[in-house]
Amino acid sequence: MLEVSKKDWKLFREKIADWQEAYMERLNGEYIELLKNGEGTASDRFWMLDERLKKDKHSPGVQICLSKGEMLYDIVLLIRDGVITMKDLNDFNQDIRDAVALLLERNV
């Protein structure tokens, strides 16, 4: 697999917090919508939210263990979870973008 450059690793570390913050902001909006307008009783909505929180907290958009060796796979997971898109990678080296596209294509 591709060796991640120091420049791309630094860029990833700089961007991940903003990506996660934006994703969690979106999740918060979805939670509010679920609580306000979801189906069922108040307790039904509460427990639906509880289940959703349990699932969402495992998303790399919420928490991630940063590792240079796992960066490409983490980016793939972020894209698959809807945290970021390929456009968010425009500042990265073309080799990184190509490797991520290949991993997404291979469904890794």
PDB file of N, CA and C in Angstrom:
ATOM      1  N   MET A   1       0.847  -1.183   0.000  1.00  0.00           N
ATOM      2  CA  MET A   1       0.000   0.000   0.000  1.00  0.00           C
ATOM      3  C   MET A   1       0.887   1.239   0.000  1.00  0.00           C
ATOM      4  N   LEU A   2       0.316   2.336  -0.315  1.00  0.00           N
ATOM      5  CA  LEU A   2       0.994   3.616  -0.450  1.00  0.00           C
ATOM      6  C   LEU A   2       1.557   4.110   0.883  1.00  0.00           C
ATOM      7  N   GLU A   3       2.763   4.625   0.854  1.00  0.00           N
ATOM      8  CA  GLU A   3       3.365   5.257   2.034  1.00  0.00           C
ATOM      9  C   GLU A   3       2.829   6.685   2.136  1.00  0.00           C
ATOM     10  N   VAL A   4       2.230   7.028   3.250  1.00  0.00           N
ATOM     11  CA  VAL A   4       1.661   8.353   3.466  1.00  0.00           C
ATOM     12  C   VAL A   4       2.785   9.335   3.778  1.00  0.00           C
ATOM     13  N   SER A   5       2.815  10.443   3.054  1.00  0.00           N
ATOM     14  CA  SER A   5       3.856  11.446   3.272  1.00  0.00           C
ATOM     15  C   SER A   5       3.615  12.196   4.582  1.00  0.00           C
ATOM     16  N   LYS A   6       4.669  12.818   5.084  1.00  0.00           N
ATOM     17  CA  LYS A   6       4.548  13.627   6.303  1.00  0.00           C
ATOM     18  C   LYS A   6       3.558  14.764   6.078  1.00  0.00           C
ATOM     19  N   LYS A   7       3.598  15.355   4.883  1.00  0.00           N
ATOM     20  CA  LYS A   7       2.704  16.474   4.564  1.00  0.00           C
ATOM     21  C   LYS A   7       1.238  16.037   4.620  1.00  0.00           C
ATOM     22  N   ASP A   8       0.915  14.884   4.006  1.00  0.00           N
ATOM     23  CA  ASP A   8      -0.464  14.399   4.010  1.00  0.00           C
ATOM     24  C   ASP A   8      -0.905  13.961   5.406  1.00  0.00           C
ATOM     25  N   TRP A   9       0.000  13.375   6.166  1.00  0.00           N
ATOM     26  CA  TRP A   9      -0.326  12.967   7.530  1.00  0.00           C
ATOM     27  C   TRP A   9      -0.633  14.198   8.385  1.00  0.00           C
ATOM     28  N   LYS A  10       0.180  15.239   8.246  1.00  0.00           N
ATOM     29  CA  LYS A  10      -0.057  16.478   8.983  1.00  0.00           C
ATOM     30  C   LYS A  10      -1.397  17.094   8.578  1.00  0.00           C
ATOM     31  N   LEU A  11      -1.680  17.107   7.286  1.00  0.00           N
ATOM     32  CA  LEU A  11      -2.935  17.659   6.783  1.00  0.00           C
ATOM     33  C   LEU A  11      -4.136  16.884   7.329  1.00  0.00           C
ATOM     34  N   PHE A  12      -4.037  15.569   7.345  1.00  0.00           N
ATOM     35  CA  PHE A  12      -5.111  14.733   7.887  1.00  0.00           C
ATOM     36  C   PHE A  12      -5.364  15.077   9.351  1.00  0.00           C
ATOM     37  N   ARG A  13      -4.302  15.190  10.125  1.00  0.00           N
ATOM     38  CA  ARG A  13      -4.454  15.511  11.558  1.00  0.00           C
ATOM     39  C   ARG A  13      -5.061  16.892  11.752  1.00  0.00           C
ATOM     40  N   GLU A  14      -4.765  17.813  10.843  1.00  0.00           N
ATOM     41  CA  GLU A  14      -5.349  19.149  10.938  1.00  0.00           C
ATOM     42  C   GLU A  14      -6.832  19.150  10.590  1.00  0.00           C
ATOM     43  N   LYS A  15      -7.229  18.326   9.641  1.00  0.00           N
ATOM     44  CA  LYS A  15      -8.601  18.345   9.133  1.00  0.00           C
ATOM     45  C   LYS A  15      -9.573  17.481   9.932  1.00  0.00           C
ATOM     46  N   ILE A  16      -9.087  16.430  10.557  1.00  0.00           N
ATOM     47  CA  ILE A  16      -9.988  15.445  11.166  1.00  0.00           C
ATOM     48  C   ILE A  16     -10.897  16.073  12.225  1.00  0.00           C
ATOM     49  N   ALA A  17     -10.381  16.967  13.032  1.00  0.00           N
ATOM     50  CA  ALA A  17     -11.217  17.570  14.082  1.00  0.00           C
ATOM     51  C   ALA A  17     -12.375  18.362  13.477  1.00  0.00           C
ATOM     52  N   ASP A  18     -12.108  19.131  12.426  1.00  0.00           N
ATOM     53  CA  ASP A  18     -13.180  19.899  11.780  1.00  0.00           C
ATOM     54  C   ASP A  18     -14.191  18.967  11.110  1.00  0.00           C
ATOM     55  N   TRP A  19     -13.697  17.914  10.478  1.00  0.00           N
ATOM     56  CA  TRP A  19     -14.605  16.938   9.854  1.00  0.00           C
ATOM     57  C   TRP A  19     -15.507  16.304  10.898  1.00  0.00           C
ATOM     58  N   GLN A  20     -14.921  15.917  12.017  1.00  0.00           N
ATOM     59  CA  GLN A  20     -15.708  15.290  13.080  1.00  0.00           C
ATOM     60  C   GLN A  20     -16.699  16.276  13.680  1.00  0.00           C
ATOM     61  N   GLU A  21     -16.271  17.491  13.891  1.00  0.00           N
ATOM     62  CA  GLU A  21     -17.154  18.497  14.481  1.00  0.00           C
ATOM     63  C   GLU A  21     -18.366  18.734  13.576  1.00  0.00           C
ATOM     64  N   ALA A  22     -18.133  18.854  12.279  1.00  0.00           N
ATOM     65  CA  ALA A  22     -19.235  19.069  11.335  1.00  0.00           C
ATOM     66  C   ALA A  22     -20.171  17.858  11.311  1.00  0.00           C
ATOM     67  N   TYR A  23     -19.606  16.671  11.358  1.00  0.00           N
ATOM     68  CA  TYR A  23     -20.416  15.450  11.357  1.00  0.00           C
ATOM     69  C   TYR A  23     -21.265  15.367  12.625  1.00  0.00           C
ATOM     70  N   MET A  24     -20.659  15.667  13.773  1.00  0.00           N
ATOM     71  CA  MET A  24     -21.417  15.600  15.027  1.00  0.00           C
ATOM     72  C   MET A  24     -22.489  16.688  15.084  1.00  0.00           C
ATOM     73  N   GLU A  25     -22.229  17.820  14.474  1.00  0.00           N
ATOM     74  CA  GLU A  25     -23.257  18.868  14.386  1.00  0.00           C
ATOM     75  C   GLU A  25     -24.455  18.347  13.592  1.00  0.00           C
ATOM     76  N   ARG A  26     -24.165  17.650  12.498  1.00  0.00           N
ATOM     77  CA  ARG A  26     -25.237  17.055  11.688  1.00  0.00           C
ATOM     78  C   ARG A  26     -25.990  15.990  12.480  1.00  0.00           C
ATOM     79  N   LEU A  27     -25.249  15.158  13.208  1.00  0.00           N
ATOM     80  CA  LEU A  27     -25.898  14.140  14.045  1.00  0.00           C
ATOM     81  C   LEU A  27     -26.801  14.786  15.092  1.00  0.00           C
ATOM     82  N   ASN A  28     -26.319  15.851  15.724  1.00  0.00           N
ATOM     83  CA  ASN A  28     -27.133  16.546  16.737  1.00  0.00           C
ATOM     84  C   ASN A  28     -28.457  17.007  16.143  1.00  0.00           C
ATOM     85  N   GLY A  29     -28.405  17.536  14.931  1.00  0.00           N
ATOM     86  CA  GLY A  29     -29.641  17.952  14.263  1.00  0.00           C
ATOM     87  C   GLY A  29     -30.583  16.778  14.032  1.00  0.00           C
ATOM     88  N   GLU A  30     -30.016  15.630  13.637  1.00  0.00           N
ATOM     89  CA  GLU A  30     -30.832  14.435  13.434  1.00  0.00           C
ATOM     90  C   GLU A  30     -31.435  13.957  14.746  1.00  0.00           C
ATOM     91  N   TYR A  31     -30.672  14.044  15.831  1.00  0.00           N
ATOM     92  CA  TYR A  31     -31.188  13.636  17.144  1.00  0.00           C
ATOM     93  C   TYR A  31     -32.336  14.536  17.582  1.00  0.00           C
ATOM     94  N   ILE A  32     -32.158  15.821  17.377  1.00  0.00           N
ATOM     95  CA  ILE A  32     -33.221  16.774  17.738  1.00  0.00           C
ATOM     96  C   ILE A  32     -34.485  16.456  16.940  1.00  0.00           C
ATOM     97  N   GLU A  33     -34.313  16.222  15.656  1.00  0.00           N
ATOM     98  CA  GLU A  33     -35.456  15.891  14.797  1.00  0.00           C
ATOM     99  C   GLU A  33     -36.136  14.605  15.279  1.00  0.00           C
ATOM    100  N   LEU A  34     -35.352  13.610  15.628  1.00  0.00           N
ATOM    101  CA  LEU A  34     -35.903  12.355  16.137  1.00  0.00           C
ATOM    102  C   LEU A  34     -36.710  12.588  17.408  1.00  0.00           C
ATOM    103  N   LEU A  35     -36.170  13.374  18.320  1.00  0.00           N
ATOM    104  CA  LEU A  35     -36.863  13.624  19.581  1.00  0.00           C
ATOM    105  C   LEU A  35     -38.117  14.469  19.398  1.00  0.00           C
ATOM    106  N   LYS A  36     -38.049  15.461  18.521  1.00  0.00           N
ATOM    107  CA  LYS A  36     -39.187  16.358  18.325  1.00  0.00           C
ATOM    108  C   LYS A  36     -40.276  15.739  17.455  1.00  0.00           C
ATOM    109  N   ASN A  37     -39.885  15.093  16.379  1.00  0.00           N
ATOM    110  CA  ASN A  37     -40.863  14.676  15.368  1.00  0.00           C
ATOM    111  C   ASN A  37     -40.865  13.187  15.068  1.00  0.00           C
ATOM    112  N   GLY A  38     -40.122  12.415  15.850  1.00  0.00           N
ATOM    113  CA  GLY A  38     -40.094  10.976  15.627  1.00  0.00           C
ATOM    114  C   GLY A  38     -41.424  10.333  15.968  1.00  0.00           C
ATOM    115  N   GLU A  39     -41.594   9.121  15.476  1.00  0.00           N
ATOM    116  CA  GLU A  39     -42.844   8.399  15.743  1.00  0.00           C
ATOM    117  C   GLU A  39     -42.808   7.758  17.119  1.00  0.00           C
ATOM    118  N   GLY A  40     -43.962   7.559  17.662  1.00  0.00           N
ATOM    119  CA  GLY A  40     -44.089   6.868  18.934  1.00  0.00           C
ATOM    120  C   GLY A  40     -44.168   7.821  20.115  1.00  0.00           C
ATOM    121  N   THR A  41     -44.167   7.225  21.275  1.00  0.00           N
ATOM    122  CA  THR A  41     -44.262   7.984  22.520  1.00  0.00           C
ATOM    123  C   THR A  41     -42.915   8.624  22.852  1.00  0.00           C
ATOM    124  N   ALA A  42     -42.929   9.459  23.859  1.00  0.00           N
ATOM    125  CA  ALA A  42     -41.687  10.091  24.309  1.00  0.00           C
ATOM    126  C   ALA A  42     -40.662   9.036  24.702  1.00  0.00           C
ATOM    127  N   SER A  43     -41.124   7.993  25.380  1.00  0.00           N
ATOM    128  CA  SER A  43     -40.180   6.945  25.792  1.00  0.00           C
ATOM    129  C   SER A  43     -39.671   6.160  24.581  1.00  0.00           C
ATOM    130  N   ASP A  44     -40.521   5.944  23.569  1.00  0.00           N
ATOM    131  CA  ASP A  44     -40.070   5.278  22.341  1.00  0.00           C
ATOM    132  C   ASP A  44     -38.948   6.076  21.683  1.00  0.00           C
ATOM    133  N   ARG A  45     -39.161   7.382  21.593  1.00  0.00           N
ATOM    134  CA  ARG A  45     -38.169   8.253  20.962  1.00  0.00           C
ATOM    135  C   ARG A  45     -36.877   8.292  21.779  1.00  0.00           C
ATOM    136  N   PHE A  46     -37.007   8.307  23.087  1.00  0.00           N
ATOM    137  CA  PHE A  46     -35.838   8.299  23.963  1.00  0.00           C
ATOM    138  C   PHE A  46     -34.997   7.053  23.713  1.00  0.00           C
ATOM    139  N   TRP A  47     -35.648   5.897  23.668  1.00  0.00           N
ATOM    140  CA  TRP A  47     -34.905   4.649  23.493  1.00  0.00           C
ATOM    141  C   TRP A  47     -34.369   4.496  22.071  1.00  0.00           C
ATOM    142  N   MET A  48     -35.073   5.071  21.082  1.00  0.00           N
ATOM    143  CA  MET A  48     -34.533   5.094  19.721  1.00  0.00           C
ATOM    144  C   MET A  48     -33.256   5.929  19.682  1.00  0.00           C
ATOM    145  N   LEU A  49     -33.294   7.060  20.380  1.00  0.00           N
ATOM    146  CA  LEU A  49     -32.114   7.908  20.443  1.00  0.00           C
ATOM    147  C   LEU A  49     -30.967   7.186  21.144  1.00  0.00           C
ATOM    148  N   ASP A  50     -31.260   6.509  22.217  1.00  0.00           N
ATOM    149  CA  ASP A  50     -30.244   5.760  22.945  1.00  0.00           C
ATOM    150  C   ASP A  50     -29.558   4.742  22.025  1.00  0.00           C
ATOM    151  N   GLU A  51     -30.340   4.003  21.269  1.00  0.00           N
ATOM    152  CA  GLU A  51     -29.773   3.022  20.326  1.00  0.00           C
ATOM    153  C   GLU A  51     -28.931   3.707  19.265  1.00  0.00           C
ATOM    154  N   ARG A  52     -29.428   4.803  18.773  1.00  0.00           N
ATOM    155  CA  ARG A  52     -28.707   5.554  17.735  1.00  0.00           C
ATOM    156  C   ARG A  52     -27.373   6.064  18.268  1.00  0.00           C
ATOM    157  N   LEU A  53     -27.365   6.588  19.494  1.00  0.00           N
ATOM    158  CA  LEU A  53     -26.131   7.071  20.105  1.00  0.00           C
ATOM    159  C   LEU A  53     -25.118   5.946  20.272  1.00  0.00           C
ATOM    160  N   LYS A  54     -25.577   4.789  20.700  1.00  0.00           N
ATOM    161  CA  LYS A  54     -24.683   3.640  20.854  1.00  0.00           C
ATOM    162  C   LYS A  54     -24.015   3.295  19.533  1.00  0.00           C
ATOM    163  N   LYS A  55     -24.790   3.336  18.449  1.00  0.00           N
ATOM    164  CA  LYS A  55     -24.255   3.033  17.119  1.00  0.00           C
ATOM    165  C   LYS A  55     -23.332   4.142  16.636  1.00  0.00           C
ATOM    166  N   ASP A  56     -23.775   5.369  16.734  1.00  0.00           N
ATOM    167  CA  ASP A  56     -23.034   6.496  16.164  1.00  0.00           C
ATOM    168  C   ASP A  56     -21.697   6.753  16.853  1.00  0.00           C
ATOM    169  N   LYS A  57     -21.598   6.452  18.131  1.00  0.00           N
ATOM    170  CA  LYS A  57     -20.350   6.760  18.822  1.00  0.00           C
ATOM    171  C   LYS A  57     -19.185   5.900  18.348  1.00  0.00           C
ATOM    172  N   HIS A  58     -19.467   4.859  17.579  1.00  0.00           N
ATOM    173  CA  HIS A  58     -18.406   4.007  17.030  1.00  0.00           C
ATOM    174  C   HIS A  58     -17.967   4.453  15.641  1.00  0.00           C
ATOM    175  N   SER A  59     -18.616   5.451  15.105  1.00  0.00           N
ATOM    176  CA  SER A  59     -18.257   5.975  13.792  1.00  0.00           C
ATOM    177  C   SER A  59     -16.942   6.739  13.877  1.00  0.00           C
ATOM    178  N   PRO A  60     -16.087   6.633  12.839  1.00  0.00           N
ATOM    179  CA  PRO A  60     -14.869   7.438  12.851  1.00  0.00           C
ATOM    180  C   PRO A  60     -15.163   8.935  12.786  1.00  0.00           C
ATOM    181  N   GLY A  61     -16.390   9.284  12.438  1.00  0.00           N
ATOM    182  CA  GLY A  61     -16.783  10.682  12.453  1.00  0.00           C
ATOM    183  C   GLY A  61     -16.989  11.214  13.856  1.00  0.00           C
ATOM    184  N   VAL A  62     -17.047  10.305  14.836  1.00  0.00           N
ATOM    185  CA  VAL A  62     -17.229  10.694  16.235  1.00  0.00           C
ATOM    186  C   VAL A  62     -15.938  10.477  17.017  1.00  0.00           C
ATOM    187  N   GLN A  63     -15.354   9.305  16.871  1.00  0.00           N
ATOM    188  CA  GLN A  63     -14.083   9.055  17.542  1.00  0.00           C
ATOM    189  C   GLN A  63     -13.219   8.160  16.670  1.00  0.00           C
ATOM    190  N   ILE A  64     -11.935   8.458  16.693  1.00  0.00           N
ATOM    191  CA  ILE A  64     -11.003   7.749  15.836  1.00  0.00           C
ATOM    192  C   ILE A  64      -9.647   7.707  16.527  1.00  0.00           C
ATOM    193  N   CYS A  65      -8.964   6.611  16.384  1.00  0.00           N
ATOM    194  CA  CYS A  65      -7.605   6.484  16.892  1.00  0.00           C
ATOM    195  C   CYS A  65      -6.674   6.819  15.724  1.00  0.00           C
ATOM    196  N   LEU A  66      -5.981   7.928  15.823  1.00  0.00           N
ATOM    197  CA  LEU A  66      -5.152   8.376  14.718  1.00  0.00           C
ATOM    198  C   LEU A  66      -3.888   7.532  14.594  1.00  0.00           C
ATOM    199  N   SER A  67      -3.703   7.000  13.387  1.00  0.00           N
ATOM    200  CA  SER A  67      -2.531   6.205  13.072  1.00  0.00           C
ATOM    201  C   SER A  67      -2.160   6.465  11.622  1.00  0.00           C
ATOM    202  N   LYS A  68      -0.930   6.837  11.403  1.00  0.00           N
ATOM    203  CA  LYS A  68      -0.475   7.112  10.044  1.00  0.00           C
ATOM    204  C   LYS A  68      -0.664   5.884   9.151  1.00  0.00           C
ATOM    205  N   GLY A  69      -0.401   4.721   9.706  1.00  0.00           N
ATOM    206  CA  GLY A  69      -0.536   3.481   8.948  1.00  0.00           C
ATOM    207  C   GLY A  69      -1.967   3.144   8.570  1.00  0.00           C
ATOM    208  N   GLU A  70      -2.928   3.696   9.302  1.00  0.00           N
ATOM    209  CA  GLU A  70      -4.344   3.422   9.045  1.00  0.00           C
ATOM    210  C   GLU A  70      -5.052   4.578   8.354  1.00  0.00           C
ATOM    211  N   MET A  71      -4.319   5.641   8.039  1.00  0.00           N
ATOM    212  CA  MET A  71      -4.947   6.856   7.517  1.00  0.00           C
ATOM    213  C   MET A  71      -5.811   6.598   6.286  1.00  0.00           C
ATOM    214  N   LEU A  72      -5.310   5.857   5.323  1.00  0.00           N
ATOM    215  CA  LEU A  72      -6.086   5.610   4.097  1.00  0.00           C
ATOM    216  C   LEU A  72      -7.382   4.878   4.411  1.00  0.00           C
ATOM    217  N   TYR A  73      -7.305   3.881   5.263  1.00  0.00           N
ATOM    218  CA  TYR A  73      -8.501   3.122   5.625  1.00  0.00           C
ATOM    219  C   TYR A  73      -9.471   3.988   6.428  1.00  0.00           C
ATOM    220  N   ASP A  74      -8.926   4.848   7.280  1.00  0.00           N
ATOM    221  CA  ASP A  74      -9.784   5.762   8.038  1.00  0.00           C
ATOM    222  C   ASP A  74     -10.513   6.719   7.102  1.00  0.00           C
ATOM    223  N   ILE A  75      -9.818   7.204   6.092  1.00  0.00           N
ATOM    224  CA  ILE A  75     -10.461   8.096   5.122  1.00  0.00           C
ATOM    225  C   ILE A  75     -11.582   7.362   4.404  1.00  0.00           C
ATOM    226  N   VAL A  76     -11.342   6.123   4.031  1.00  0.00           N
ATOM    227  CA  VAL A  76     -12.381   5.321   3.372  1.00  0.00           C
ATOM    228  C   VAL A  76     -13.594   5.187   4.290  1.00  0.00           C
ATOM    229  N   LEU A  77     -13.367   4.896   5.563  1.00  0.00           N
ATOM    230  CA  LEU A  77     -14.479   4.780   6.516  1.00  0.00           C
ATOM    231  C   LEU A  77     -15.220   6.107   6.677  1.00  0.00           C
ATOM    232  N   LEU A  78     -14.473   7.195   6.713  1.00  0.00           N
ATOM    233  CA  LEU A  78     -15.101   8.514   6.826  1.00  0.00           C
ATOM    234  C   LEU A  78     -15.990   8.797   5.621  1.00  0.00           C
ATOM    235  N   ILE A  79     -15.537   8.421   4.459  1.00  0.00           N
ATOM    236  CA  ILE A  79     -16.341   8.613   3.242  1.00  0.00           C
ATOM    237  C   ILE A  79     -17.565   7.713   3.277  1.00  0.00           C
ATOM    238  N   ARG A  80     -17.379   6.458   3.623  1.00  0.00           N
ATOM    239  CA  ARG A  80     -18.509   5.513   3.662  1.00  0.00           C
ATOM    240  C   ARG A  80     -19.568   5.914   4.680  1.00  0.00           C
ATOM    241  N   ASP A  81     -19.137   6.495   5.781  1.00  0.00           N
ATOM    242  CA  ASP A  81     -20.088   6.924   6.816  1.00  0.00           C
ATOM    243  C   ASP A  81     -20.716   8.278   6.508  1.00  0.00           C
ATOM    244  N   GLY A  82     -20.312   8.900   5.402  1.00  0.00           N
ATOM    245  CA  GLY A  82     -20.883  10.186   5.027  1.00  0.00           C
ATOM    246  C   GLY A  82     -20.314  11.357   5.807  1.00  0.00           C
ATOM    247  N   VAL A  83     -19.188  11.147   6.459  1.00  0.00           N
ATOM    248  CA  VAL A  83     -18.549  12.209   7.228  1.00  0.00           C
ATOM    249  C   VAL A  83     -17.904  13.219   6.279  1.00  0.00           C
ATOM    250  N   ILE A  84     -17.247  12.698   5.249  1.00  0.00           N
ATOM    251  CA  ILE A  84     -16.592  13.528   4.238  1.00  0.00           C
ATOM    252  C   ILE A  84     -16.916  12.960   2.854  1.00  0.00           C
ATOM    253  N   THR A  85     -16.506  13.692   1.835  1.00  0.00           N
ATOM    254  CA  THR A  85     -16.616  13.230   0.455  1.00  0.00           C
ATOM    255  C   THR A  85     -15.232  13.291  -0.186  1.00  0.00           C
ATOM    256  N   MET A  86     -15.121  12.783  -1.380  1.00  0.00           N
ATOM    257  CA  MET A  86     -13.847  12.844  -2.094  1.00  0.00           C
ATOM    258  C   MET A  86     -13.400  14.296  -2.286  1.00  0.00           C
ATOM    259  N   LYS A  87     -14.348  15.216  -2.391  1.00  0.00           N
ATOM    260  CA  LYS A  87     -13.998  16.635  -2.535  1.00  0.00           C
ATOM    261  C   LYS A  87     -13.177  17.136  -1.354  1.00  0.00           C
ATOM    262  N   ASP A  88     -13.436  16.584  -0.182  1.00  0.00           N
ATOM    263  CA  ASP A  88     -12.708  16.996   1.009  1.00  0.00           C
ATOM    264  C   ASP A  88     -11.232  16.613   0.960  1.00  0.00           C
ATOM    265  N   LEU A  89     -10.874  15.797  -0.002  1.00  0.00           N
ATOM    266  CA  LEU A  89      -9.489  15.350  -0.126  1.00  0.00           C
ATOM    267  C   LEU A  89      -8.702  16.155  -1.150  1.00  0.00           C
ATOM    268  N   ASN A  90      -9.283  17.222  -1.678  1.00  0.00           N
ATOM    269  CA  ASN A  90      -8.633  17.992  -2.743  1.00  0.00           C
ATOM    270  C   ASN A  90      -7.265  18.533  -2.356  1.00  0.00           C
ATOM    271  N   ASP A  91      -7.032  18.794  -1.090  1.00  0.00           N
ATOM    272  CA  ASP A  91      -5.738  19.333  -0.657  1.00  0.00           C
ATOM    273  C   ASP A  91      -4.670  18.253  -0.490  1.00  0.00           C
ATOM    274  N   PHE A  92      -5.081  16.995  -0.581  1.00  0.00           N
ATOM    275  CA  PHE A  92      -4.146  15.893  -0.410  1.00  0.00           C
ATOM    276  C   PHE A  92      -3.458  15.560  -1.732  1.00  0.00           C
ATOM    277  N   ASN A  93      -2.338  14.903  -1.618  1.00  0.00           N
ATOM    278  CA  ASN A  93      -1.575  14.430  -2.764  1.00  0.00           C
ATOM    279  C   ASN A  93      -2.466  13.565  -3.661  1.00  0.00           C
ATOM    280  N   GLN A  94      -2.255  13.647  -4.954  1.00  0.00           N
ATOM    281  CA  GLN A  94      -3.045  12.857  -5.908  1.00  0.00           C
ATOM    282  C   GLN A  94      -2.925  11.358  -5.633  1.00  0.00           C
ATOM    283  N   ASP A  95      -1.762  10.907  -5.184  1.00  0.00           N
ATOM    284  CA  ASP A  95      -1.575   9.492  -4.861  1.00  0.00           C
ATOM    285  C   ASP A  95      -2.521   9.052  -3.741  1.00  0.00           C
ATOM    286  N   ILE A  96      -2.732   9.918  -2.767  1.00  0.00           N
ATOM    287  CA  ILE A  96      -3.667   9.612  -1.672  1.00  0.00           C
ATOM    288  C   ILE A  96      -5.079   9.486  -2.224  1.00  0.00           C
ATOM    289  N   ARG A  97      -5.476  10.450  -3.024  1.00  0.00           N
ATOM    290  CA  ARG A  97      -6.829  10.424  -3.598  1.00  0.00           C
ATOM    291  C   ARG A  97      -7.035   9.182  -4.463  1.00  0.00           C
ATOM    292  N   ASP A  98      -6.019   8.826  -5.240  1.00  0.00           N
ATOM    293  CA  ASP A  98      -6.125   7.630  -6.089  1.00  0.00           C
ATOM    294  C   ASP A  98      -6.217   6.360  -5.250  1.00  0.00           C
ATOM    295  N   ALA A  99      -5.410   6.284  -4.194  1.00  0.00           N
ATOM    296  CA  ALA A  99      -5.429   5.101  -3.324  1.00  0.00           C
ATOM    297  C   ALA A  99      -6.781   4.960  -2.626  1.00  0.00           C
ATOM    298  N   VAL A 100      -7.337   6.076  -2.160  1.00  0.00           N
ATOM    299  CA  VAL A 100      -8.651   6.044  -1.505  1.00  0.00           C
ATOM    300  C   VAL A 100      -9.719   5.615  -2.507  1.00  0.00           C
ATOM    301  N   ALA A 101      -9.672   6.166  -3.714  1.00  0.00           N
ATOM    302  CA  ALA A 101     -10.644   5.790  -4.750  1.00  0.00           C
ATOM    303  C   ALA A 101     -10.552   4.300  -5.061  1.00  0.00           C
ATOM    304  N   LEU A 102      -9.346   3.777  -5.133  1.00  0.00           N
ATOM    305  CA  LEU A 102      -9.147   2.350  -5.393  1.00  0.00           C
ATOM    306  C   LEU A 102      -9.709   1.496  -4.256  1.00  0.00           C
ATOM    307  N   LEU A 103      -9.449   1.896  -3.019  1.00  0.00           N
ATOM    308  CA  LEU A 103      -9.983   1.155  -1.873  1.00  0.00           C
ATOM    309  C   LEU A 103     -11.510   1.196  -1.859  1.00  0.00           C
ATOM    310  N   LEU A 104     -12.076   2.339  -2.179  1.00  0.00           N
ATOM    311  CA  LEU A 104     -13.537   2.437  -2.233  1.00  0.00           C
ATOM    312  C   LEU A 104     -14.093   1.543  -3.348  1.00  0.00           C
ATOM    313  N   GLU A 105     -13.413   1.537  -4.473  1.00  0.00           N
ATOM    314  CA  GLU A 105     -13.839   0.708  -5.600  1.00  0.00           C
ATOM    315  C   GLU A 105     -13.770  -0.769  -5.276  1.00  0.00           C
ATOM    316  N   ARG A 106     -12.730  -1.161  -4.553  1.00  0.00           N
ATOM    317  CA  ARG A 106     -12.536  -2.559  -4.149  1.00  0.00           C
ATOM    318  C   ARG A 106     -13.427  -2.956  -2.990  1.00  0.00           C
ATOM    319  N   ASN A 107     -14.100  -1.956  -2.405  1.00  0.00           N
ATOM    320  CA  ASN A 107     -14.982  -2.179  -1.257  1.00  0.00           C
ATOM    321  C   ASN A 107     -14.231  -2.721  -0.058  1.00  0.00           C
ATOM    322  N   VAL A 108     -13.025  -2.184   0.155  1.00  0.00           N
ATOM    323  CA  VAL A 108     -12.169  -2.627   1.273  1.00  0.00           C
ATOM    324  C   VAL A 108     -12.626  -1.978   2.546  1.00  0.00           C
TER     325      VAL A 108
END
